[in-house]
Amino acid sequence: MSSEKVAIVTGANKGETAIESLQELGYNPAYHQLDVEDQASVDEFQKYIAKNYGGVDVLVNNAGVKGKGSFGMQATASVGVNYFGTLRMSEAFLPLLRHNANVVNVSSSLGHLAKIPSEELRKKFADPDLTISRLSDLMNEFVRAATEDHNPEKNWGTLPYTVSKVDLNDYRGILTVEEGAVAPLYAALNQDGWKGQFVWRDCTLVDWFGPELPAPY
């Protein structure tokens, strides 16, 4: 088992290209196939990490999709990856987290609670006694409302991606890759000792429960 620091970053669709770029900089990263929507794939990867490295120091849940097609199709896809995929990875690797390990869930400004129009729903998400089971039920409720075309009356909002991260410029976002990596990297290193915080792109803390964001994106 390795005594070196081990960091896992999901969502590397161009992982092999990234590996080559990092190797050119003198690093020695590894690429492993993973489908966060498939429990068997997650379990296989977890066993691989446990056998070869023994533990994890940093887990960055970066896998995410916006989804295409109808509103219901977008809701199913985005919630399946962005929420349940993140949950699946977190639960699988929790036993492997080493002392002082950090978990970073890469979200979006659209994942701020203020983006949910319904006050009743916002209160449910903000409930300090909210359990993972109940949160998963809320996600499934949203998917049902979206697929059955009841979303307008339930007032979840107009973007499934928003709920799954609770339409960034045609899938591109507004930041370069380098700019977008700044806050997740800062949170992963976590020299401030943050836990359970919503970190803005400039590495400042934002009140996830607050009524406003410091900027639209």
N, C-alpha and C. Protein backbone atom coordinates (compact mmCIF):
# COMPACT_ATOMS: atom_id res chain seq x y z
N MET A 1 0.83 -1.20 0.00
CA MET A 1 0.00 0.00 0.00
C MET A 1 0.87 1.25 0.00
N SER A 2 0.38 2.27 -0.68
CA SER A 2 1.15 3.49 -0.85
C SER A 2 1.02 4.40 0.37
N SER A 3 2.16 5.05 0.72
CA SER A 3 2.14 6.04 1.79
C SER A 3 2.04 7.45 1.22
N GLU A 4 2.01 7.55 -0.12
CA GLU A 4 1.91 8.84 -0.77
C GLU A 4 0.49 9.37 -0.67
N LYS A 5 0.35 10.68 -0.86
CA LYS A 5 -0.99 11.29 -0.87
C LYS A 5 -1.75 10.79 -2.09
N VAL A 6 -3.01 10.46 -1.88
CA VAL A 6 -3.85 9.93 -2.95
C VAL A 6 -5.05 10.84 -3.16
N ALA A 7 -5.21 11.33 -4.38
CA ALA A 7 -6.34 12.20 -4.72
C ALA A 7 -7.12 11.57 -5.86
N ILE A 8 -8.44 11.56 -5.74
CA ILE A 8 -9.32 11.04 -6.79
C ILE A 8 -10.14 12.20 -7.34
N VAL A 9 -10.15 12.33 -8.67
CA VAL A 9 -10.95 13.35 -9.33
C VAL A 9 -11.83 12.65 -10.35
N THR A 10 -13.13 12.70 -10.18
CA THR A 10 -14.05 12.05 -11.11
C THR A 10 -14.41 13.02 -12.24
N GLY A 11 -15.02 12.47 -13.27
CA GLY A 11 -15.51 13.32 -14.35
C GLY A 11 -14.47 13.69 -15.37
N ALA A 12 -13.38 12.95 -15.45
CA ALA A 12 -12.33 13.26 -16.43
C ALA A 12 -12.64 12.58 -17.75
N ASN A 13 -13.57 13.15 -18.53
CA ASN A 13 -13.94 12.55 -19.80
C ASN A 13 -12.77 12.50 -20.78
N LYS A 14 -11.83 13.42 -20.60
CA LYS A 14 -10.61 13.42 -21.41
C LYS A 14 -9.43 13.02 -20.52
N GLY A 15 -9.67 12.02 -19.69
CA GLY A 15 -8.70 11.63 -18.70
C GLY A 15 -7.36 11.23 -19.26
N GLU A 16 -7.35 10.47 -20.36
CA GLU A 16 -6.08 10.01 -20.92
C GLU A 16 -5.26 11.18 -21.44
N THR A 17 -5.94 12.18 -22.02
CA THR A 17 -5.25 13.38 -22.48
C THR A 17 -4.68 14.15 -21.31
N ALA A 18 -5.47 14.24 -20.23
CA ALA A 18 -5.01 14.94 -19.03
C ALA A 18 -3.80 14.24 -18.42
N ILE A 19 -3.81 12.91 -18.45
CA ILE A 19 -2.69 12.14 -17.92
C ILE A 19 -1.40 12.49 -18.65
N GLU A 20 -1.48 12.54 -19.97
CA GLU A 20 -0.30 12.87 -20.78
C GLU A 20 0.22 14.26 -20.46
N SER A 21 -0.71 15.21 -20.30
CA SER A 21 -0.30 16.59 -19.99
C SER A 21 0.39 16.67 -18.64
N LEU A 22 -0.14 15.96 -17.65
CA LEU A 22 0.44 15.98 -16.31
C LEU A 22 1.79 15.26 -16.29
N GLN A 23 1.92 14.21 -17.07
CA GLN A 23 3.19 13.49 -17.13
C GLN A 23 4.28 14.38 -17.73
N GLU A 24 3.89 15.22 -18.68
CA GLU A 24 4.84 16.15 -19.27
C GLU A 24 5.34 17.17 -18.25
N LEU A 25 4.52 17.40 -17.22
CA LEU A 25 4.91 18.34 -16.16
C LEU A 25 5.68 17.65 -15.03
N GLY A 26 5.89 16.34 -15.19
CA GLY A 26 6.67 15.62 -14.21
C GLY A 26 5.87 14.88 -13.16
N TYR A 27 4.54 14.85 -13.30
CA TYR A 27 3.70 14.14 -12.34
C TYR A 27 3.46 12.71 -12.82
N ASN A 28 2.94 11.88 -11.94
CA ASN A 28 2.71 10.48 -12.29
C ASN A 28 1.28 10.06 -11.94
N PRO A 29 0.29 10.63 -12.60
CA PRO A 29 -1.10 10.29 -12.31
C PRO A 29 -1.50 8.97 -12.96
N ALA A 30 -2.62 8.45 -12.55
CA ALA A 30 -3.14 7.21 -13.12
C ALA A 30 -4.58 7.43 -13.56
N TYR A 31 -4.97 6.72 -14.60
CA TYR A 31 -6.34 6.81 -15.12
C TYR A 31 -7.04 5.48 -14.91
N HIS A 32 -8.29 5.56 -14.44
CA HIS A 32 -9.06 4.32 -14.21
C HIS A 32 -10.49 4.54 -14.68
N GLN A 33 -11.02 3.56 -15.40
CA GLN A 33 -12.40 3.66 -15.88
C GLN A 33 -13.37 3.71 -14.71
N LEU A 34 -14.38 4.57 -14.81
CA LEU A 34 -15.37 4.71 -13.74
C LEU A 34 -16.66 5.28 -14.29
N ASP A 35 -17.77 4.66 -13.94
CA ASP A 35 -19.10 5.16 -14.26
C ASP A 35 -19.84 5.38 -12.95
N VAL A 36 -20.01 6.65 -12.56
CA VAL A 36 -20.60 6.94 -11.26
C VAL A 36 -22.08 6.57 -11.19
N GLU A 37 -22.69 6.29 -12.34
CA GLU A 37 -24.10 5.85 -12.35
C GLU A 37 -24.22 4.34 -12.12
N ASP A 38 -23.11 3.64 -12.15
CA ASP A 38 -23.11 2.18 -12.05
C ASP A 38 -22.47 1.78 -10.72
N GLN A 39 -23.27 1.22 -9.81
CA GLN A 39 -22.75 0.84 -8.50
C GLN A 39 -21.63 -0.18 -8.61
N ALA A 40 -21.75 -1.11 -9.55
CA ALA A 40 -20.71 -2.13 -9.73
C ALA A 40 -19.39 -1.49 -10.14
N SER A 41 -19.46 -0.48 -11.01
CA SER A 41 -18.26 0.22 -11.45
C SER A 41 -17.62 0.97 -10.29
N VAL A 42 -18.43 1.62 -9.47
CA VAL A 42 -17.93 2.34 -8.30
C VAL A 42 -17.29 1.37 -7.32
N ASP A 43 -17.96 0.24 -7.08
CA ASP A 43 -17.43 -0.76 -6.15
C ASP A 43 -16.10 -1.32 -6.63
N GLU A 44 -15.98 -1.58 -7.93
CA GLU A 44 -14.74 -2.10 -8.50
C GLU A 44 -13.60 -1.09 -8.32
N PHE A 45 -13.90 0.16 -8.55
CA PHE A 45 -12.89 1.21 -8.40
C PHE A 45 -12.47 1.36 -6.94
N GLN A 46 -13.45 1.26 -6.05
CA GLN A 46 -13.15 1.36 -4.62
C GLN A 46 -12.22 0.24 -4.18
N LYS A 47 -12.47 -0.95 -4.66
CA LYS A 47 -11.62 -2.10 -4.31
C LYS A 47 -10.22 -1.91 -4.88
N TYR A 48 -10.14 -1.35 -6.08
CA TYR A 48 -8.83 -1.10 -6.70
C TYR A 48 -8.01 -0.12 -5.86
N ILE A 49 -8.65 0.96 -5.42
CA ILE A 49 -7.96 1.95 -4.59
C ILE A 49 -7.55 1.35 -3.25
N ALA A 50 -8.46 0.60 -2.64
CA ALA A 50 -8.16 -0.01 -1.34
C ALA A 50 -6.97 -0.97 -1.44
N LYS A 51 -6.93 -1.76 -2.50
CA LYS A 51 -5.86 -2.75 -2.67
C LYS A 51 -4.52 -2.11 -2.99
N ASN A 52 -4.53 -1.09 -3.85
CA ASN A 52 -3.29 -0.54 -4.35
C ASN A 52 -2.77 0.67 -3.56
N TYR A 53 -3.67 1.36 -2.86
CA TYR A 53 -3.25 2.58 -2.16
C TYR A 53 -3.63 2.59 -0.68
N GLY A 54 -4.63 1.82 -0.32
CA GLY A 54 -4.99 1.70 1.09
C GLY A 54 -5.87 2.79 1.65
N GLY A 55 -5.91 3.94 0.99
CA GLY A 55 -6.73 5.04 1.49
C GLY A 55 -6.73 6.21 0.54
N VAL A 56 -7.52 7.22 0.90
CA VAL A 56 -7.69 8.40 0.04
C VAL A 56 -7.53 9.66 0.89
N ASP A 57 -6.78 10.63 0.36
CA ASP A 57 -6.58 11.90 1.05
C ASP A 57 -7.49 13.00 0.51
N VAL A 58 -7.82 12.93 -0.78
CA VAL A 58 -8.69 13.94 -1.39
C VAL A 58 -9.63 13.23 -2.37
N LEU A 59 -10.92 13.52 -2.24
CA LEU A 59 -11.92 13.04 -3.20
C LEU A 59 -12.62 14.25 -3.78
N VAL A 60 -12.46 14.45 -5.09
CA VAL A 60 -13.14 15.55 -5.78
C VAL A 60 -14.22 14.96 -6.66
N ASN A 61 -15.47 15.15 -6.27
CA ASN A 61 -16.60 14.67 -7.06
C ASN A 61 -16.91 15.72 -8.12
N ASN A 62 -16.34 15.51 -9.31
CA ASN A 62 -16.43 16.48 -10.38
C ASN A 62 -17.33 16.01 -11.52
N ALA A 63 -17.72 14.75 -11.51
CA ALA A 63 -18.56 14.22 -12.59
C ALA A 63 -19.90 14.94 -12.60
N GLY A 64 -20.32 15.38 -13.78
CA GLY A 64 -21.60 16.09 -13.86
C GLY A 64 -22.07 16.23 -15.29
N VAL A 65 -23.37 16.27 -15.47
CA VAL A 65 -23.96 16.46 -16.80
C VAL A 65 -25.11 17.45 -16.70
N LYS A 66 -25.45 18.05 -17.81
CA LYS A 66 -26.61 18.92 -17.89
C LYS A 66 -27.83 18.15 -18.39
N GLY A 67 -27.60 17.20 -19.26
CA GLY A 67 -28.70 16.43 -19.81
C GLY A 67 -29.25 17.06 -21.07
N LYS A 68 -29.83 16.23 -21.92
CA LYS A 68 -30.41 16.71 -23.17
C LYS A 68 -31.82 16.16 -23.32
N GLY A 69 -32.54 16.70 -24.30
CA GLY A 69 -33.88 16.21 -24.58
C GLY A 69 -34.95 16.96 -23.82
N SER A 70 -36.03 16.27 -23.51
CA SER A 70 -37.16 16.89 -22.81
C SER A 70 -36.77 17.26 -21.39
N PHE A 71 -37.63 18.04 -20.76
CA PHE A 71 -37.37 18.44 -19.37
C PHE A 71 -37.22 17.21 -18.49
N GLY A 72 -38.07 16.22 -18.69
CA GLY A 72 -38.00 15.00 -17.90
C GLY A 72 -36.72 14.23 -18.13
N MET A 73 -36.27 14.18 -19.39
CA MET A 73 -35.02 13.49 -19.72
C MET A 73 -33.83 14.20 -19.09
N GLN A 74 -33.85 15.53 -19.14
CA GLN A 74 -32.77 16.30 -18.52
C GLN A 74 -32.73 16.07 -17.01
N ALA A 75 -33.92 16.04 -16.41
CA ALA A 75 -34.00 15.84 -14.95
C ALA A 75 -33.45 14.47 -14.57
N THR A 76 -33.85 13.45 -15.30
CA THR A 76 -33.39 12.10 -15.01
C THR A 76 -31.88 11.98 -15.13
N ALA A 77 -31.32 12.54 -16.21
CA ALA A 77 -29.89 12.44 -16.45
C ALA A 77 -29.09 13.25 -15.44
N SER A 78 -29.48 14.49 -15.21
CA SER A 78 -28.70 15.36 -14.34
C SER A 78 -28.75 14.91 -12.88
N VAL A 79 -29.91 14.50 -12.41
CA VAL A 79 -30.02 14.01 -11.04
C VAL A 79 -29.28 12.68 -10.88
N GLY A 80 -29.38 11.84 -11.91
CA GLY A 80 -28.72 10.54 -11.85
C GLY A 80 -27.21 10.64 -11.67
N VAL A 81 -26.59 11.59 -12.36
CA VAL A 81 -25.14 11.76 -12.27
C VAL A 81 -24.76 12.75 -11.18
N ASN A 82 -25.34 13.95 -11.24
CA ASN A 82 -24.88 15.04 -10.37
C ASN A 82 -25.20 14.81 -8.90
N TYR A 83 -26.35 14.21 -8.62
CA TYR A 83 -26.67 13.94 -7.22
C TYR A 83 -26.36 12.50 -6.83
N PHE A 84 -27.03 11.54 -7.49
CA PHE A 84 -26.87 10.16 -7.06
C PHE A 84 -25.46 9.62 -7.35
N GLY A 85 -24.82 10.10 -8.41
CA GLY A 85 -23.46 9.70 -8.69
C GLY A 85 -22.51 10.19 -7.60
N THR A 86 -22.70 11.44 -7.18
CA THR A 86 -21.89 12.01 -6.11
C THR A 86 -22.13 11.26 -4.80
N LEU A 87 -23.39 10.96 -4.51
CA LEU A 87 -23.72 10.21 -3.30
C LEU A 87 -23.11 8.83 -3.33
N ARG A 88 -23.18 8.17 -4.47
CA ARG A 88 -22.64 6.81 -4.61
C ARG A 88 -21.14 6.80 -4.35
N MET A 89 -20.43 7.77 -4.92
CA MET A 89 -18.98 7.85 -4.71
C MET A 89 -18.64 8.17 -3.25
N SER A 90 -19.36 9.10 -2.68
CA SER A 90 -19.08 9.52 -1.30
C SER A 90 -19.28 8.37 -0.32
N GLU A 91 -20.37 7.64 -0.50
CA GLU A 91 -20.64 6.52 0.41
C GLU A 91 -19.63 5.40 0.23
N ALA A 92 -19.20 5.16 -1.01
CA ALA A 92 -18.26 4.08 -1.27
C ALA A 92 -16.88 4.37 -0.69
N PHE A 93 -16.47 5.65 -0.76
CA PHE A 93 -15.09 5.98 -0.36
C PHE A 93 -14.97 6.55 1.04
N LEU A 94 -16.09 6.76 1.69
CA LEU A 94 -16.03 7.23 3.07
C LEU A 94 -15.17 6.33 3.95
N PRO A 95 -15.27 5.00 3.85
CA PRO A 95 -14.44 4.12 4.70
C PRO A 95 -12.95 4.22 4.39
N LEU A 96 -12.59 4.75 3.22
CA LEU A 96 -11.18 4.81 2.83
C LEU A 96 -10.55 6.18 3.11
N LEU A 97 -11.34 7.13 3.58
CA LEU A 97 -10.79 8.46 3.82
C LEU A 97 -9.80 8.43 4.98
N ARG A 98 -8.62 8.96 4.74
CA ARG A 98 -7.60 9.01 5.78
C ARG A 98 -7.84 10.19 6.72
N HIS A 99 -7.07 10.23 7.79
CA HIS A 99 -7.18 11.32 8.75
C HIS A 99 -6.94 12.66 8.05
N ASN A 100 -7.82 13.60 8.29
CA ASN A 100 -7.75 14.94 7.70
C ASN A 100 -7.97 14.93 6.19
N ALA A 101 -8.62 13.90 5.67
CA ALA A 101 -8.95 13.86 4.24
C ALA A 101 -10.00 14.92 3.92
N ASN A 102 -10.04 15.33 2.66
CA ASN A 102 -11.00 16.33 2.22
C ASN A 102 -11.85 15.80 1.08
N VAL A 103 -13.14 16.12 1.12
CA VAL A 103 -14.06 15.77 0.05
C VAL A 103 -14.60 17.07 -0.54
N VAL A 104 -14.46 17.23 -1.85
CA VAL A 104 -14.94 18.43 -2.54
C VAL A 104 -15.99 18.02 -3.56
N ASN A 105 -17.19 18.54 -3.42
CA ASN A 105 -18.25 18.31 -4.39
C ASN A 105 -18.36 19.54 -5.29
N VAL A 106 -17.93 19.40 -6.53
CA VAL A 106 -17.92 20.53 -7.45
C VAL A 106 -19.36 20.83 -7.88
N SER A 107 -19.81 22.03 -7.58
CA SER A 107 -21.19 22.41 -7.87
C SER A 107 -21.21 23.54 -8.89
N SER A 108 -22.11 24.48 -8.71
CA SER A 108 -22.31 25.57 -9.64
C SER A 108 -23.07 26.67 -8.93
N SER A 109 -22.98 27.89 -9.47
CA SER A 109 -23.81 28.97 -8.91
C SER A 109 -25.29 28.62 -9.04
N LEU A 110 -25.61 27.79 -10.04
CA LEU A 110 -27.01 27.38 -10.22
C LEU A 110 -27.44 26.38 -9.15
N GLY A 111 -26.49 25.89 -8.37
CA GLY A 111 -26.82 24.98 -7.28
C GLY A 111 -27.11 25.69 -5.98
N HIS A 112 -27.11 27.02 -6.00
CA HIS A 112 -27.42 27.77 -4.78
C HIS A 112 -28.89 27.62 -4.45
N LEU A 113 -29.19 27.54 -3.16
CA LEU A 113 -30.56 27.28 -2.72
C LEU A 113 -31.54 28.34 -3.20
N ALA A 114 -31.07 29.57 -3.38
CA ALA A 114 -31.94 30.65 -3.82
C ALA A 114 -32.49 30.42 -5.23
N LYS A 115 -31.88 29.49 -5.98
CA LYS A 115 -32.33 29.21 -7.35
C LYS A 115 -33.60 28.35 -7.37
N ILE A 116 -33.98 27.79 -6.23
CA ILE A 116 -35.23 27.02 -6.14
C ILE A 116 -36.36 28.00 -5.83
N PRO A 117 -37.34 28.20 -6.73
CA PRO A 117 -38.38 29.21 -6.52
C PRO A 117 -39.29 28.95 -5.33
N SER A 118 -39.62 27.69 -5.08
CA SER A 118 -40.58 27.36 -4.03
C SER A 118 -40.01 27.55 -2.63
N GLU A 119 -40.66 28.39 -1.84
CA GLU A 119 -40.22 28.60 -0.46
C GLU A 119 -40.35 27.32 0.35
N GLU A 120 -41.42 26.57 0.10
CA GLU A 120 -41.63 25.31 0.82
C GLU A 120 -40.50 24.33 0.55
N LEU A 121 -40.08 24.23 -0.70
CA LEU A 121 -38.98 23.33 -1.05
C LEU A 121 -37.66 23.82 -0.46
N ARG A 122 -37.44 25.12 -0.49
CA ARG A 122 -36.20 25.65 0.09
C ARG A 122 -36.11 25.32 1.57
N LYS A 123 -37.23 25.39 2.27
CA LYS A 123 -37.24 25.05 3.69
C LYS A 123 -36.90 23.59 3.91
N LYS A 124 -37.37 22.72 3.02
CA LYS A 124 -37.07 21.29 3.15
C LYS A 124 -35.58 21.04 2.95
N PHE A 125 -34.98 21.71 1.96
CA PHE A 125 -33.54 21.54 1.72
C PHE A 125 -32.70 22.14 2.85
N ALA A 126 -33.21 23.19 3.47
CA ALA A 126 -32.47 23.88 4.52
C ALA A 126 -32.68 23.28 5.90
N ASP A 127 -33.55 22.30 6.01
CA ASP A 127 -33.85 21.67 7.30
C ASP A 127 -32.57 21.07 7.91
N PRO A 128 -32.15 21.53 9.07
CA PRO A 128 -30.92 20.99 9.68
C PRO A 128 -31.01 19.51 10.02
N ASP A 129 -32.23 18.98 10.09
CA ASP A 129 -32.42 17.56 10.40
C ASP A 129 -32.62 16.72 9.14
N LEU A 130 -32.39 17.31 7.97
CA LEU A 130 -32.56 16.59 6.71
C LEU A 130 -31.58 15.42 6.63
N THR A 131 -32.10 14.24 6.34
CA THR A 131 -31.27 13.04 6.22
C THR A 131 -30.95 12.77 4.75
N ILE A 132 -29.96 11.94 4.52
CA ILE A 132 -29.63 11.57 3.15
C ILE A 132 -30.80 10.85 2.49
N SER A 133 -31.47 10.02 3.25
CA SER A 133 -32.63 9.30 2.72
C SER A 133 -33.72 10.26 2.27
N ARG A 134 -34.00 11.24 3.11
CA ARG A 134 -35.04 12.21 2.76
C ARG A 134 -34.60 13.09 1.60
N LEU A 135 -33.33 13.44 1.55
CA LEU A 135 -32.81 14.23 0.45
C LEU A 135 -32.95 13.46 -0.87
N SER A 136 -32.65 12.17 -0.83
CA SER A 136 -32.80 11.34 -2.02
C SER A 136 -34.26 11.26 -2.43
N ASP A 137 -35.16 11.21 -1.45
CA ASP A 137 -36.59 11.21 -1.76
C ASP A 137 -36.98 12.51 -2.48
N LEU A 138 -36.43 13.63 -2.03
CA LEU A 138 -36.72 14.92 -2.67
C LEU A 138 -36.23 14.91 -4.12
N MET A 139 -35.06 14.35 -4.35
CA MET A 139 -34.53 14.28 -5.71
C MET A 139 -35.43 13.42 -6.60
N ASN A 140 -35.89 12.31 -6.05
CA ASN A 140 -36.79 11.44 -6.82
C ASN A 140 -38.14 12.10 -7.05
N GLU A 141 -38.59 12.88 -6.09
CA GLU A 141 -39.84 13.63 -6.26
C GLU A 141 -39.72 14.62 -7.41
N PHE A 142 -38.57 15.27 -7.50
CA PHE A 142 -38.35 16.22 -8.58
C PHE A 142 -38.37 15.51 -9.94
N VAL A 143 -37.68 14.37 -10.03
CA VAL A 143 -37.63 13.64 -11.29
C VAL A 143 -39.03 13.20 -11.71
N ARG A 144 -39.84 12.73 -10.75
CA ARG A 144 -41.22 12.33 -11.07
C ARG A 144 -42.03 13.52 -11.54
N ALA A 145 -41.89 14.65 -10.86
CA ALA A 145 -42.63 15.85 -11.27
C ALA A 145 -42.21 16.28 -12.66
N ALA A 146 -40.92 16.16 -12.96
CA ALA A 146 -40.42 16.57 -14.27
C ALA A 146 -40.91 15.65 -15.38
N THR A 147 -40.86 14.35 -15.13
CA THR A 147 -41.26 13.39 -16.17
C THR A 147 -42.77 13.35 -16.36
N GLU A 148 -43.52 13.68 -15.31
CA GLU A 148 -44.98 13.68 -15.40
C GLU A 148 -45.54 15.06 -15.71
N ASP A 149 -44.64 16.00 -16.01
CA ASP A 149 -45.01 17.36 -16.40
C ASP A 149 -45.76 18.10 -15.29
N HIS A 150 -45.39 17.83 -14.04
CA HIS A 150 -45.99 18.54 -12.91
C HIS A 150 -45.04 19.58 -12.32
N ASN A 151 -43.93 19.80 -12.99
CA ASN A 151 -42.95 20.72 -12.45
C ASN A 151 -43.46 22.13 -12.24
N PRO A 152 -44.24 22.71 -13.20
CA PRO A 152 -44.72 24.08 -12.99
C PRO A 152 -45.52 24.26 -11.70
N GLU A 153 -46.40 23.31 -11.41
CA GLU A 153 -47.22 23.45 -10.21
C GLU A 153 -46.44 23.18 -8.94
N LYS A 154 -45.36 22.36 -9.05
CA LYS A 154 -44.52 22.09 -7.88
C LYS A 154 -43.50 23.20 -7.65
N ASN A 155 -43.25 23.99 -8.70
CA ASN A 155 -42.38 25.16 -8.61
C ASN A 155 -40.94 24.82 -8.24
N TRP A 156 -40.41 23.80 -8.91
CA TRP A 156 -39.01 23.43 -8.70
C TRP A 156 -38.06 24.38 -9.42
N GLY A 157 -38.55 25.01 -10.47
CA GLY A 157 -37.69 25.85 -11.28
C GLY A 157 -37.66 25.36 -12.71
N THR A 158 -36.93 26.04 -13.57
CA THR A 158 -36.95 25.74 -14.99
C THR A 158 -35.73 24.98 -15.49
N LEU A 159 -34.75 24.74 -14.63
CA LEU A 159 -33.54 24.04 -15.04
C LEU A 159 -33.29 22.81 -14.18
N PRO A 160 -33.40 21.61 -14.75
CA PRO A 160 -33.08 20.40 -13.97
C PRO A 160 -31.68 20.43 -13.40
N TYR A 161 -30.74 21.03 -14.12
CA TYR A 161 -29.36 21.11 -13.64
C TYR A 161 -29.28 21.84 -12.31
N THR A 162 -30.12 22.87 -12.16
CA THR A 162 -30.14 23.62 -10.90
C THR A 162 -30.48 22.70 -9.74
N VAL A 163 -31.53 21.91 -9.89
CA VAL A 163 -31.95 21.02 -8.81
C VAL A 163 -30.88 19.97 -8.55
N SER A 164 -30.31 19.42 -9.60
CA SER A 164 -29.30 18.37 -9.43
C SER A 164 -28.05 18.90 -8.75
N LYS A 165 -27.78 20.16 -8.86
CA LYS A 165 -26.60 20.75 -8.23
C LYS A 165 -26.98 21.50 -6.95
N VAL A 166 -28.29 21.57 -6.49
CA VAL A 166 -28.71 22.08 -5.15
C VAL A 166 -28.20 21.40 -4.04
N ASP A 167 -28.03 26.02 -17.28
CA ASP A 167 -27.55 26.08 -18.67
C ASP A 167 -26.48 27.12 -18.73
N LEU A 168 -25.34 26.37 -18.35
CA LEU A 168 -24.20 27.27 -18.31
C LEU A 168 -23.63 27.50 -19.70
N ASN A 169 -24.08 28.55 -20.40
CA ASN A 169 -23.51 28.97 -21.69
C ASN A 169 -23.25 27.80 -22.64
N ASP A 170 -24.31 27.06 -22.92
CA ASP A 170 -24.22 25.98 -23.90
C ASP A 170 -23.17 24.95 -23.52
N TYR A 171 -23.19 24.57 -22.21
CA TYR A 171 -22.32 23.52 -21.67
C TYR A 171 -20.89 23.97 -21.41
N ARG A 172 -20.54 25.21 -21.72
CA ARG A 172 -19.15 25.62 -21.60
C ARG A 172 -18.84 26.36 -20.31
N GLY A 173 -19.85 26.98 -19.69
CA GLY A 173 -19.57 27.79 -18.52
C GLY A 173 -18.95 29.10 -18.94
N ILE A 174 -18.52 29.90 -17.98
CA ILE A 174 -17.96 31.21 -18.30
C ILE A 174 -16.49 31.31 -17.93
N LEU A 175 -15.93 30.25 -17.38
CA LEU A 175 -14.54 30.27 -16.96
C LEU A 175 -13.70 29.34 -17.83
N THR A 176 -12.41 29.64 -17.93
CA THR A 176 -11.50 28.71 -18.58
C THR A 176 -11.31 27.51 -17.66
N VAL A 177 -10.72 26.45 -18.20
CA VAL A 177 -10.45 25.27 -17.39
C VAL A 177 -9.59 25.64 -16.19
N GLU A 178 -8.57 26.45 -16.44
CA GLU A 178 -7.66 26.85 -15.38
C GLU A 178 -8.38 27.67 -14.31
N GLU A 179 -9.24 28.61 -14.75
CA GLU A 179 -9.98 29.45 -13.80
C GLU A 179 -10.97 28.60 -13.00
N GLY A 180 -11.62 27.66 -13.68
CA GLY A 180 -12.59 26.82 -13.00
C GLY A 180 -11.98 25.87 -12.00
N ALA A 181 -10.69 25.59 -12.15
CA ALA A 181 -10.02 24.65 -11.24
C ALA A 181 -9.55 25.31 -9.96
N VAL A 182 -9.51 26.65 -9.92
CA VAL A 182 -8.92 27.35 -8.79
C VAL A 182 -9.64 27.04 -7.47
N ALA A 183 -10.96 27.23 -7.44
CA ALA A 183 -11.71 27.03 -6.19
C ALA A 183 -11.72 25.56 -5.74
N PRO A 184 -11.96 24.59 -6.64
CA PRO A 184 -11.91 23.19 -6.20
C PRO A 184 -10.54 22.80 -5.65
N LEU A 185 -9.47 23.29 -6.28
CA LEU A 185 -8.13 22.97 -5.79
C LEU A 185 -7.90 23.60 -4.43
N TYR A 186 -8.33 24.84 -4.26
CA TYR A 186 -8.18 25.53 -2.98
C TYR A 186 -8.93 24.77 -1.89
N ALA A 187 -10.15 24.33 -2.21
CA ALA A 187 -10.95 23.59 -1.23
C ALA A 187 -10.34 22.23 -0.93
N ALA A 188 -9.75 21.61 -1.95
CA ALA A 188 -9.14 20.29 -1.75
C ALA A 188 -7.94 20.38 -0.82
N LEU A 189 -7.14 21.42 -0.97
CA LEU A 189 -5.99 21.62 -0.08
C LEU A 189 -6.45 22.04 1.31
N ASN A 190 -7.53 22.80 1.38
CA ASN A 190 -8.27 23.11 2.61
C ASN A 190 -7.40 23.53 3.78
N GLN A 191 -6.59 24.51 3.57
CA GLN A 191 -5.75 25.00 4.66
C GLN A 191 -6.55 25.85 5.66
N ASP A 192 -7.79 26.19 5.31
CA ASP A 192 -8.64 26.97 6.20
C ASP A 192 -9.49 26.10 7.11
N GLY A 193 -9.44 24.77 6.91
CA GLY A 193 -10.22 23.87 7.75
C GLY A 193 -11.71 23.92 7.51
N TRP A 194 -12.12 24.27 6.31
CA TRP A 194 -13.56 24.37 6.02
C TRP A 194 -14.22 23.00 5.99
N LYS A 195 -15.45 22.94 6.47
CA LYS A 195 -16.27 21.74 6.40
C LYS A 195 -17.71 22.15 6.08
N GLY A 196 -18.29 21.52 5.07
CA GLY A 196 -19.68 21.79 4.74
C GLY A 196 -19.95 23.20 4.29
N GLN A 197 -19.03 23.80 3.53
CA GLN A 197 -19.17 25.18 3.09
C GLN A 197 -19.41 25.26 1.58
N PHE A 198 -20.02 26.36 1.14
CA PHE A 198 -20.25 26.65 -0.27
C PHE A 198 -19.18 27.65 -0.69
N VAL A 199 -18.22 27.19 -1.47
CA VAL A 199 -17.06 28.02 -1.82
C VAL A 199 -17.26 28.63 -3.20
N TRP A 200 -17.14 29.95 -3.27
CA TRP A 200 -17.32 30.66 -4.54
C TRP A 200 -16.08 30.52 -5.40
N ARG A 201 -16.19 30.91 -6.66
CA ARG A 201 -15.10 30.71 -7.61
C ARG A 201 -13.84 31.50 -7.25
N ASP A 202 -13.97 32.56 -6.43
CA ASP A 202 -12.80 33.33 -6.01
C ASP A 202 -12.27 32.85 -4.66
N CYS A 203 -12.71 31.66 -4.25
CA CYS A 203 -12.24 31.00 -3.02
C CYS A 203 -12.74 31.68 -1.75
N THR A 204 -13.83 32.42 -1.83
CA THR A 204 -14.46 32.98 -0.65
C THR A 204 -15.70 32.14 -0.32
N LEU A 205 -16.14 32.24 0.93
CA LEU A 205 -17.31 31.47 1.35
C LEU A 205 -18.59 32.25 1.06
N VAL A 206 -19.60 31.53 0.59
CA VAL A 206 -20.91 32.11 0.28
C VAL A 206 -21.96 31.40 1.11
N ASP A 207 -22.90 32.15 1.65
CA ASP A 207 -23.98 31.56 2.44
C ASP A 207 -24.94 30.83 1.50
N TRP A 208 -24.94 29.49 1.55
CA TRP A 208 -25.79 28.70 0.66
C TRP A 208 -27.27 28.93 0.97
N PHE A 209 -27.57 29.32 2.20
CA PHE A 209 -28.96 29.55 2.60
C PHE A 209 -29.40 30.98 2.33
N GLY A 210 -28.49 31.84 1.95
CA GLY A 210 -28.80 33.26 1.77
C GLY A 210 -29.69 33.52 0.57
N PRO A 211 -30.29 34.72 0.52
CA PRO A 211 -31.23 35.06 -0.55
C PRO A 211 -30.56 35.45 -1.85
N GLU A 212 -29.25 35.75 -1.82
CA GLU A 212 -28.59 36.25 -3.02
C GLU A 212 -27.19 35.65 -3.16
N LEU A 213 -26.67 35.74 -4.40
CA LEU A 213 -25.31 35.35 -4.71
C LEU A 213 -24.48 36.61 -4.95
N PRO A 214 -23.16 36.52 -4.78
CA PRO A 214 -22.31 37.70 -5.02
C PRO A 214 -22.26 38.12 -6.46
N ALA A 215 -22.62 37.21 -7.37
CA ALA A 215 -22.65 37.50 -8.81
C ALA A 215 -23.57 36.48 -9.46
N PRO A 216 -24.07 36.77 -10.69
CA PRO A 216 -24.96 35.80 -11.35
C PRO A 216 -24.33 34.45 -11.53
N TYR A 217 -23.00 34.41 -11.84
CA TYR A 217 -22.30 33.15 -12.05
C TYR A 217 -20.96 33.16 -11.35
